[in-house]
Amino acid sequence: MAGKQSGAQSKRAPRTEAGPQSMQEAGSESPLSLERIVATAVKLLDAEGIGGLKMRRLADRLGAGAMSLYWHVANKEEVFDLALNSVLEYRGLPQTVKSEDWRADVVHMLEDWRASMLRHPWSASLLPQRALGPNILIRLELLSKSLSGAGVADADLNVAIWSLWNYVIGATITRASFDLSEADRTAGQQRLTRFSEHYPTIERSRLLLDSDWDGVFRKGLDFLLDGLVPK
């Protein structure tokens, strides 16, 4: 799986003889910690996107000095790494749900992956360069193990993984960016109806009026899994 480790491997700023600044920053509600930095970064990214994450802005939200952040993280790239890893944590099927077969595990994990990225739309654009984060590797290992156990040959495993990866990422980006209002959908479908002579199949399918994103994702996933591991 291609990817790079970014700022997370960089060395932190050297400490001076005076030692690090106090963990309790003036005006902050609680001591500055890595966990609090990551949680605040996620909220900032949710609100303002990737371009909105600046170390000074993050420090302001934390009620801390910008330089004090560097006692916990090396740079902004490491903050991205940690924030992405945080939102992609996977705890598996609930204890009350007993998986009957590999397919239930795969479907649950991929639906959870998509839902996590939809809650944090910025994550999809960060993921390609951070595919070696611990939580995404956990997901990929579980996915690989499930598919291998279902009978996918080692020679086909990479194709299966990439196919599902591309499907989840594509579905997430499309859902996040192609969110038309009901009025826009209706107007678009009416336009297709006027040009039905040229686009008869698309017009007949009522494509633009279909807003069942979750249902479409699940059915498309079933198509994919049927092809990867025939019943």
C-alpha atoms as a PDB file:
ATOM      1  CA  MET A   1       0.000   0.000   0.000  1.00  0.00           C
ATOM      2  CA  ALA A   2       1.618   3.225  -1.126  1.00  0.00           C
ATOM      3  CA  GLY A   3       1.831   6.107   1.292  1.00  0.00           C
ATOM      4  CA  LYS A   4       4.206   8.263   3.233  1.00  0.00           C
ATOM      5  CA  GLN A   5       4.815   9.075   6.812  1.00  0.00           C
ATOM      6  CA  SER A   6       4.912  12.831   7.128  1.00  0.00           C
ATOM      7  CA  GLY A   7       5.616  15.041  10.119  1.00  0.00           C
ATOM      8  CA  ALA A   8       4.949  12.252  12.605  1.00  0.00           C
ATOM      9  CA  GLN A   9       8.511  11.031  12.185  1.00  0.00           C
ATOM     10  CA  SER A  10      10.124  14.437  12.564  1.00  0.00           C
ATOM     11  CA  LYS A  11      12.034  15.333  15.709  1.00  0.00           C
ATOM     12  CA  ARG A  12      10.361  17.621  18.165  1.00  0.00           C
ATOM     13  CA  ALA A  13      11.819  21.003  19.019  1.00  0.00           C
ATOM     14  CA  PRO A  14      14.797  20.762  21.404  1.00  0.00           C
ATOM     15  CA  ARG A  15      14.070  21.613  25.008  1.00  0.00           C
ATOM     16  CA  THR A  16      15.936  24.465  26.623  1.00  0.00           C
ATOM     17  CA  GLU A  17      17.649  24.379  29.998  1.00  0.00           C
ATOM     18  CA  ALA A  18      14.648  26.122  31.445  1.00  0.00           C
ATOM     19  CA  GLY A  19      12.483  23.145  30.493  1.00  0.00           C
ATOM     20  CA  PRO A  20       9.103  23.108  28.712  1.00  0.00           C
ATOM     21  CA  GLN A  21       6.435  25.652  29.365  1.00  0.00           C
ATOM     22  CA  SER A  22       3.921  24.781  31.991  1.00  0.00           C
ATOM     23  CA  MET A  23       1.307  22.291  30.860  1.00  0.00           C
ATOM     24  CA  GLN A  24      -1.306  24.638  32.266  1.00  0.00           C
ATOM     25  CA  GLU A  25      -1.496  27.510  29.789  1.00  0.00           C
ATOM     26  CA  ALA A  26      -2.864  30.862  30.847  1.00  0.00           C
ATOM     27  CA  GLY A  27      -6.543  31.063  29.996  1.00  0.00           C
ATOM     28  CA  SER A  28      -6.860  27.392  29.016  1.00  0.00           C
ATOM     29  CA  GLU A  29      -9.648  25.314  30.530  1.00  0.00           C
ATOM     30  CA  SER A  30      -7.509  22.221  31.077  1.00  0.00           C
ATOM     31  CA  PRO A  31      -3.839  21.230  30.845  1.00  0.00           C
ATOM     32  CA  LEU A  32      -2.429  21.096  27.345  1.00  0.00           C
ATOM     33  CA  SER A  33      -2.021  17.491  26.225  1.00  0.00           C
ATOM     34  CA  LEU A  34      -1.607  15.579  22.982  1.00  0.00           C
ATOM     35  CA  GLU A  35      -5.134  14.190  23.298  1.00  0.00           C
ATOM     36  CA  ARG A  36      -6.600  17.673  23.698  1.00  0.00           C
ATOM     37  CA  ILE A  37      -4.565  19.016  20.785  1.00  0.00           C
ATOM     38  CA  VAL A  38      -5.808  16.236  18.491  1.00  0.00           C
ATOM     39  CA  ALA A  39      -9.445  16.601  19.562  1.00  0.00           C
ATOM     40  CA  THR A  40      -9.312  20.368  19.010  1.00  0.00           C
ATOM     41  CA  ALA A  41      -7.599  19.921  15.649  1.00  0.00           C
ATOM     42  CA  VAL A  42     -10.365  17.579  14.507  1.00  0.00           C
ATOM     43  CA  LYS A  43     -13.006  20.151  15.473  1.00  0.00           C
ATOM     44  CA  LEU A  44     -11.091  22.868  13.624  1.00  0.00           C
ATOM     45  CA  LEU A  45     -10.773  20.700  10.516  1.00  0.00           C
ATOM     46  CA  ASP A  46     -14.483  19.844  10.666  1.00  0.00           C
ATOM     47  CA  ALA A  47     -15.348  23.532  10.823  1.00  0.00           C
ATOM     48  CA  GLU A  48     -12.859  25.027   8.375  1.00  0.00           C
ATOM     49  CA  GLY A  49     -11.306  22.227   6.338  1.00  0.00           C
ATOM     50  CA  ILE A  50      -7.642  21.517   5.674  1.00  0.00           C
ATOM     51  CA  GLY A  51      -6.835  25.105   4.731  1.00  0.00           C
ATOM     52  CA  GLY A  52      -8.184  26.326   8.048  1.00  0.00           C
ATOM     53  CA  LEU A  53      -5.733  24.381  10.173  1.00  0.00           C
ATOM     54  CA  LYS A  54      -2.947  26.771  11.176  1.00  0.00           C
ATOM     55  CA  MET A  55      -0.804  26.254  14.226  1.00  0.00           C
ATOM     56  CA  ARG A  56      -1.587  29.742  15.495  1.00  0.00           C
ATOM     57  CA  ARG A  57      -5.312  29.208  15.031  1.00  0.00           C
ATOM     58  CA  LEU A  58      -5.106  25.832  16.747  1.00  0.00           C
ATOM     59  CA  ALA A  59      -3.206  27.392  19.643  1.00  0.00           C
ATOM     60  CA  ASP A  60      -5.836  30.114  19.964  1.00  0.00           C
ATOM     61  CA  ARG A  61      -8.590  27.518  20.218  1.00  0.00           C
ATOM     62  CA  LEU A  62      -6.612  25.750  22.909  1.00  0.00           C
ATOM     63  CA  GLY A  63      -5.999  28.954  24.813  1.00  0.00           C
ATOM     64  CA  ALA A  64      -2.265  28.290  24.516  1.00  0.00           C
ATOM     65  CA  GLY A  65       0.815  29.867  23.015  1.00  0.00           C
ATOM     66  CA  ALA A  66       1.744  28.602  19.555  1.00  0.00           C
ATOM     67  CA  MET A  67       5.230  27.598  20.668  1.00  0.00           C
ATOM     68  CA  SER A  68       3.843  25.443  23.459  1.00  0.00           C
ATOM     69  CA  LEU A  69       2.262  23.151  20.844  1.00  0.00           C
ATOM     70  CA  TYR A  70       5.709  22.111  19.668  1.00  0.00           C
ATOM     71  CA  TRP A  71       6.405  20.370  22.973  1.00  0.00           C
ATOM     72  CA  HIS A  72       3.727  17.876  21.898  1.00  0.00           C
ATOM     73  CA  VAL A  73       3.819  17.802  18.078  1.00  0.00           C
ATOM     74  CA  ALA A  74       6.651  18.402  15.634  1.00  0.00           C
ATOM     75  CA  ASN A  75       4.712  20.428  13.075  1.00  0.00           C
ATOM     76  CA  LYS A  76       1.379  20.850  11.292  1.00  0.00           C
ATOM     77  CA  GLU A  77       1.937  17.690   9.240  1.00  0.00           C
ATOM     78  CA  GLU A  78       2.057  15.641  12.414  1.00  0.00           C
ATOM     79  CA  VAL A  79      -1.191  17.239  13.531  1.00  0.00           C
ATOM     80  CA  PHE A  80      -2.751  16.094  10.246  1.00  0.00           C
ATOM     81  CA  ASP A  81      -1.394  12.572  10.817  1.00  0.00           C
ATOM     82  CA  LEU A  82      -2.788  12.377  14.329  1.00  0.00           C
ATOM     83  CA  ALA A  83      -6.160  13.915  13.456  1.00  0.00           C
ATOM     84  CA  LEU A  84      -6.694  11.502  10.563  1.00  0.00           C
ATOM     85  CA  ASN A  85      -5.653   8.526  12.659  1.00  0.00           C
ATOM     86  CA  SER A  86      -8.076   9.634  15.364  1.00  0.00           C
ATOM     87  CA  VAL A  87     -11.164   9.796  13.131  1.00  0.00           C
ATOM     88  CA  LEU A  88     -10.382   6.471  11.434  1.00  0.00           C
ATOM     89  CA  GLU A  89     -10.261   4.401  14.621  1.00  0.00           C
ATOM     90  CA  TYR A  90     -12.227   1.177  14.224  1.00  0.00           C
ATOM     91  CA  ARG A  91     -13.590  -0.819  17.154  1.00  0.00           C
ATOM     92  CA  GLY A  92     -15.176  -3.610  15.121  1.00  0.00           C
ATOM     93  CA  LEU A  93     -18.666  -5.004  15.373  1.00  0.00           C
ATOM     94  CA  PRO A  94     -20.620  -4.131  18.543  1.00  0.00           C
ATOM     95  CA  GLN A  95     -20.459  -6.872  21.178  1.00  0.00           C
ATOM     96  CA  THR A  96     -24.214  -7.342  20.819  1.00  0.00           C
ATOM     97  CA  VAL A  97     -23.802  -8.247  17.134  1.00  0.00           C
ATOM     98  CA  LYS A  98     -22.515 -11.700  16.288  1.00  0.00           C
ATOM     99  CA  SER A  99     -21.017 -11.896  12.839  1.00  0.00           C
ATOM    100  CA  GLU A 100     -22.179 -14.969  10.957  1.00  0.00           C
ATOM    101  CA  ASP A 101     -19.607 -14.776   8.195  1.00  0.00           C
ATOM    102  CA  TRP A 102     -16.760 -12.798   6.675  1.00  0.00           C
ATOM    103  CA  ARG A 103     -19.140 -10.723   4.571  1.00  0.00           C
ATOM    104  CA  ALA A 104     -20.855  -9.171   7.590  1.00  0.00           C
ATOM    105  CA  ASP A 105     -17.459  -8.120   8.957  1.00  0.00           C
ATOM    106  CA  VAL A 106     -16.379  -6.579   5.642  1.00  0.00           C
ATOM    107  CA  VAL A 107     -19.657  -4.734   5.093  1.00  0.00           C
ATOM    108  CA  HIS A 108     -19.697  -3.357   8.642  1.00  0.00           C
ATOM    109  CA  MET A 109     -16.087  -2.212   8.431  1.00  0.00           C
ATOM    110  CA  LEU A 110     -16.487  -0.497   5.048  1.00  0.00           C
ATOM    111  CA  GLU A 111     -19.777   1.166   6.027  1.00  0.00           C
ATOM    112  CA  ASP A 112     -18.120   2.379   9.228  1.00  0.00           C
ATOM    113  CA  TRP A 113     -15.128   3.652   7.224  1.00  0.00           C
ATOM    114  CA  ARG A 114     -17.378   5.608   4.861  1.00  0.00           C
ATOM    115  CA  ALA A 115     -19.470   6.996   7.741  1.00  0.00           C
ATOM    116  CA  SER A 116     -16.330   8.124   9.577  1.00  0.00           C
ATOM    117  CA  MET A 117     -15.081  10.023   6.542  1.00  0.00           C
ATOM    118  CA  LEU A 118     -18.492  11.575   5.875  1.00  0.00           C
ATOM    119  CA  ARG A 119     -18.500  12.920   9.434  1.00  0.00           C
ATOM    120  CA  HIS A 120     -15.073  14.408   8.676  1.00  0.00           C
ATOM    121  CA  PRO A 121     -15.046  15.195   4.906  1.00  0.00           C
ATOM    122  CA  TRP A 122     -11.462  16.519   4.997  1.00  0.00           C
ATOM    123  CA  SER A 123     -10.210  13.019   5.831  1.00  0.00           C
ATOM    124  CA  ALA A 124     -10.671  11.646   2.298  1.00  0.00           C
ATOM    125  CA  SER A 125      -8.233  14.152   0.808  1.00  0.00           C
ATOM    126  CA  LEU A 126      -5.620  13.507   3.522  1.00  0.00           C
ATOM    127  CA  LEU A 127      -5.773   9.726   3.329  1.00  0.00           C
ATOM    128  CA  PRO A 128      -3.852   9.034   0.075  1.00  0.00           C
ATOM    129  CA  GLN A 129      -0.601  10.473   1.488  1.00  0.00           C
ATOM    130  CA  ARG A 130      -1.151   8.955   4.925  1.00  0.00           C
ATOM    131  CA  ALA A 131      -2.071   5.367   4.130  1.00  0.00           C
ATOM    132  CA  LEU A 132       0.404   4.015   6.670  1.00  0.00           C
ATOM    133  CA  GLY A 133      -1.306   5.455   9.732  1.00  0.00           C
ATOM    134  CA  PRO A 134      -1.935   2.858  12.483  1.00  0.00           C
ATOM    135  CA  ASN A 135      -5.726   2.867  12.277  1.00  0.00           C
ATOM    136  CA  ILE A 136      -5.934   2.628   8.492  1.00  0.00           C
ATOM    137  CA  LEU A 137      -3.413  -0.219   8.583  1.00  0.00           C
ATOM    138  CA  ILE A 138      -5.590  -1.986  11.165  1.00  0.00           C
ATOM    139  CA  ARG A 139      -8.567  -1.649   8.828  1.00  0.00           C
ATOM    140  CA  LEU A 140      -6.601  -2.911   5.830  1.00  0.00           C
ATOM    141  CA  GLU A 141      -5.237  -5.860   7.799  1.00  0.00           C
ATOM    142  CA  LEU A 142      -8.734  -6.853   8.948  1.00  0.00           C
ATOM    143  CA  LEU A 143     -10.062  -6.440   5.420  1.00  0.00           C
ATOM    144  CA  SER A 144      -7.224  -8.517   3.944  1.00  0.00           C
ATOM    145  CA  LYS A 145      -7.665 -11.228   6.573  1.00  0.00           C
ATOM    146  CA  SER A 146     -11.429 -11.434   5.981  1.00  0.00           C
ATOM    147  CA  LEU A 147     -11.096 -11.629   2.197  1.00  0.00           C
ATOM    148  CA  SER A 148      -8.288 -14.163   2.415  1.00  0.00           C
ATOM    149  CA  GLY A 149     -10.373 -16.298   4.765  1.00  0.00           C
ATOM    150  CA  ALA A 150     -13.286 -16.064   2.329  1.00  0.00           C
ATOM    151  CA  GLY A 151     -11.183 -17.632  -0.393  1.00  0.00           C
ATOM    152  CA  VAL A 152      -9.599 -14.731  -2.262  1.00  0.00           C
ATOM    153  CA  ALA A 153      -6.259 -16.002  -3.544  1.00  0.00           C
ATOM    154  CA  ASP A 154      -3.099 -14.151  -2.549  1.00  0.00           C
ATOM    155  CA  ALA A 155      -2.534 -13.320  -6.227  1.00  0.00           C
ATOM    156  CA  ASP A 156      -5.893 -11.490  -6.297  1.00  0.00           C
ATOM    157  CA  LEU A 157      -5.817  -9.955  -2.831  1.00  0.00           C
ATOM    158  CA  ASN A 158      -4.249  -6.638  -3.873  1.00  0.00           C
ATOM    159  CA  VAL A 159      -6.846  -6.220  -6.630  1.00  0.00           C
ATOM    160  CA  ALA A 160      -9.621  -6.892  -4.129  1.00  0.00           C
ATOM    161  CA  ILE A 161      -8.225  -4.433  -1.574  1.00  0.00           C
ATOM    162  CA  TRP A 162      -7.672  -1.654  -4.118  1.00  0.00           C
ATOM    163  CA  SER A 163     -11.133  -2.201  -5.620  1.00  0.00           C
ATOM    164  CA  LEU A 164     -12.800  -1.790  -2.230  1.00  0.00           C
ATOM    165  CA  TRP A 165     -10.509   1.117  -1.291  1.00  0.00           C
ATOM    166  CA  ASN A 166     -11.383   2.942  -4.526  1.00  0.00           C
ATOM    167  CA  TYR A 167     -15.078   2.242  -4.022  1.00  0.00           C
ATOM    168  CA  VAL A 168     -15.187   3.606  -0.478  1.00  0.00           C
ATOM    169  CA  ILE A 169     -13.102   6.706  -1.266  1.00  0.00           C
ATOM    170  CA  GLY A 170     -15.033   7.426  -4.457  1.00  0.00           C
ATOM    171  CA  ALA A 171     -18.403   6.990  -2.757  1.00  0.00           C
ATOM    172  CA  THR A 172     -17.343   9.269   0.102  1.00  0.00           C
ATOM    173  CA  ILE A 173     -16.069  12.071  -2.118  1.00  0.00           C
ATOM    174  CA  THR A 174     -19.131  11.888  -4.361  1.00  0.00           C
ATOM    175  CA  ARG A 175     -21.537  12.006  -1.409  1.00  0.00           C
ATOM    176  CA  ALA A 176     -19.703  14.923   0.187  1.00  0.00           C
ATOM    177  CA  SER A 177     -19.437  17.014  -2.982  1.00  0.00           C
ATOM    178  CA  PHE A 178     -22.564  16.078  -4.968  1.00  0.00           C
ATOM    179  CA  ASP A 179     -25.178  17.030  -2.404  1.00  0.00           C
ATOM    180  CA  LEU A 180     -27.856  18.755  -4.487  1.00  0.00           C
ATOM    181  CA  SER A 181     -30.941  20.284  -2.902  1.00  0.00           C
ATOM    182  CA  GLU A 182     -34.337  18.798  -3.689  1.00  0.00           C
ATOM    183  CA  ALA A 183     -35.104  21.789  -5.906  1.00  0.00           C
ATOM    184  CA  ASP A 184     -31.869  21.313  -7.853  1.00  0.00           C
ATOM    185  CA  ARG A 185     -32.595  17.614  -8.302  1.00  0.00           C
ATOM    186  CA  THR A 186     -36.082  18.303  -9.599  1.00  0.00           C
ATOM    187  CA  ALA A 187     -34.861  20.995 -11.985  1.00  0.00           C
ATOM    188  CA  GLY A 188     -32.097  18.740 -13.260  1.00  0.00           C
ATOM    189  CA  GLN A 189     -34.485  15.845 -13.837  1.00  0.00           C
ATOM    190  CA  GLN A 190     -36.888  18.142 -15.687  1.00  0.00           C
ATOM    191  CA  ARG A 191     -34.012  19.203 -17.920  1.00  0.00           C
ATOM    192  CA  LEU A 192     -33.214  15.552 -18.637  1.00  0.00           C
ATOM    193  CA  THR A 193     -36.863  14.942 -19.469  1.00  0.00           C
ATOM    194  CA  ARG A 194     -36.762  17.721 -22.074  1.00  0.00           C
ATOM    195  CA  PHE A 195     -33.737  16.054 -23.642  1.00  0.00           C
ATOM    196  CA  SER A 196     -34.970  12.494 -23.210  1.00  0.00           C
ATOM    197  CA  GLU A 197     -34.555  11.863 -26.922  1.00  0.00           C
ATOM    198  CA  HIS A 198     -30.789  12.106 -26.442  1.00  0.00           C
ATOM    199  CA  TYR A 199     -30.546  10.555 -22.936  1.00  0.00           C
ATOM    200  CA  PRO A 200     -33.450   8.096 -22.742  1.00  0.00           C
ATOM    201  CA  THR A 201     -31.897   5.572 -20.374  1.00  0.00           C
ATOM    202  CA  ILE A 202     -30.655   8.137 -17.854  1.00  0.00           C
ATOM    203  CA  GLU A 203     -33.984   9.949 -17.937  1.00  0.00           C
ATOM    204  CA  ARG A 204     -35.925   6.709 -17.473  1.00  0.00           C
ATOM    205  CA  SER A 205     -33.859   5.716 -14.447  1.00  0.00           C
ATOM    206  CA  ARG A 206     -34.716   9.028 -12.716  1.00  0.00           C
ATOM    207  CA  LEU A 207     -31.026   9.262 -11.847  1.00  0.00           C
ATOM    208  CA  LEU A 208     -31.009  12.754 -10.381  1.00  0.00           C
ATOM    209  CA  LEU A 209     -33.972  12.052  -8.107  1.00  0.00           C
ATOM    210  CA  ASP A 210     -32.278   9.124  -6.401  1.00  0.00           C
ATOM    211  CA  SER A 211     -30.992  10.415  -3.058  1.00  0.00           C
ATOM    212  CA  ASP A 212     -30.681   7.070  -1.267  1.00  0.00           C
ATOM    213  CA  TRP A 213     -26.931   7.398  -0.812  1.00  0.00           C
ATOM    214  CA  ASP A 214     -26.678   4.762   1.912  1.00  0.00           C
ATOM    215  CA  GLY A 215     -28.777   2.257  -0.024  1.00  0.00           C
ATOM    216  CA  VAL A 216     -26.815   2.825  -3.214  1.00  0.00           C
ATOM    217  CA  PHE A 217     -23.522   2.368  -1.352  1.00  0.00           C
ATOM    218  CA  ARG A 218     -24.642  -0.914   0.219  1.00  0.00           C
ATOM    219  CA  LYS A 219     -26.065  -2.345  -2.999  1.00  0.00           C
ATOM    220  CA  GLY A 220     -22.964  -1.356  -4.965  1.00  0.00           C
ATOM    221  CA  LEU A 221     -20.827  -2.975  -2.284  1.00  0.00           C
ATOM    222  CA  ASP A 222     -22.859  -6.166  -2.630  1.00  0.00           C
ATOM    223  CA  PHE A 223     -22.214  -6.135  -6.392  1.00  0.00           C
ATOM    224  CA  LEU A 224     -18.492  -5.738  -5.754  1.00  0.00           C
ATOM    225  CA  LEU A 225     -18.271  -8.461  -3.126  1.00  0.00           C
ATOM    226  CA  ASP A 226     -20.294 -10.860  -5.303  1.00  0.00           C
ATOM    227  CA  GLY A 227     -17.680 -10.403  -8.003  1.00  0.00           C
ATOM    228  CA  LEU A 228     -14.694 -10.707  -5.688  1.00  0.00           C
ATOM    229  CA  VAL A 229     -15.967 -13.730  -3.792  1.00  0.00           C
ATOM    230  CA  PRO A 230     -18.788 -15.499  -5.697  1.00  0.00           C
ATOM    231  CA  LYS A 231     -21.403 -17.067  -3.457  1.00  0.00           C
END
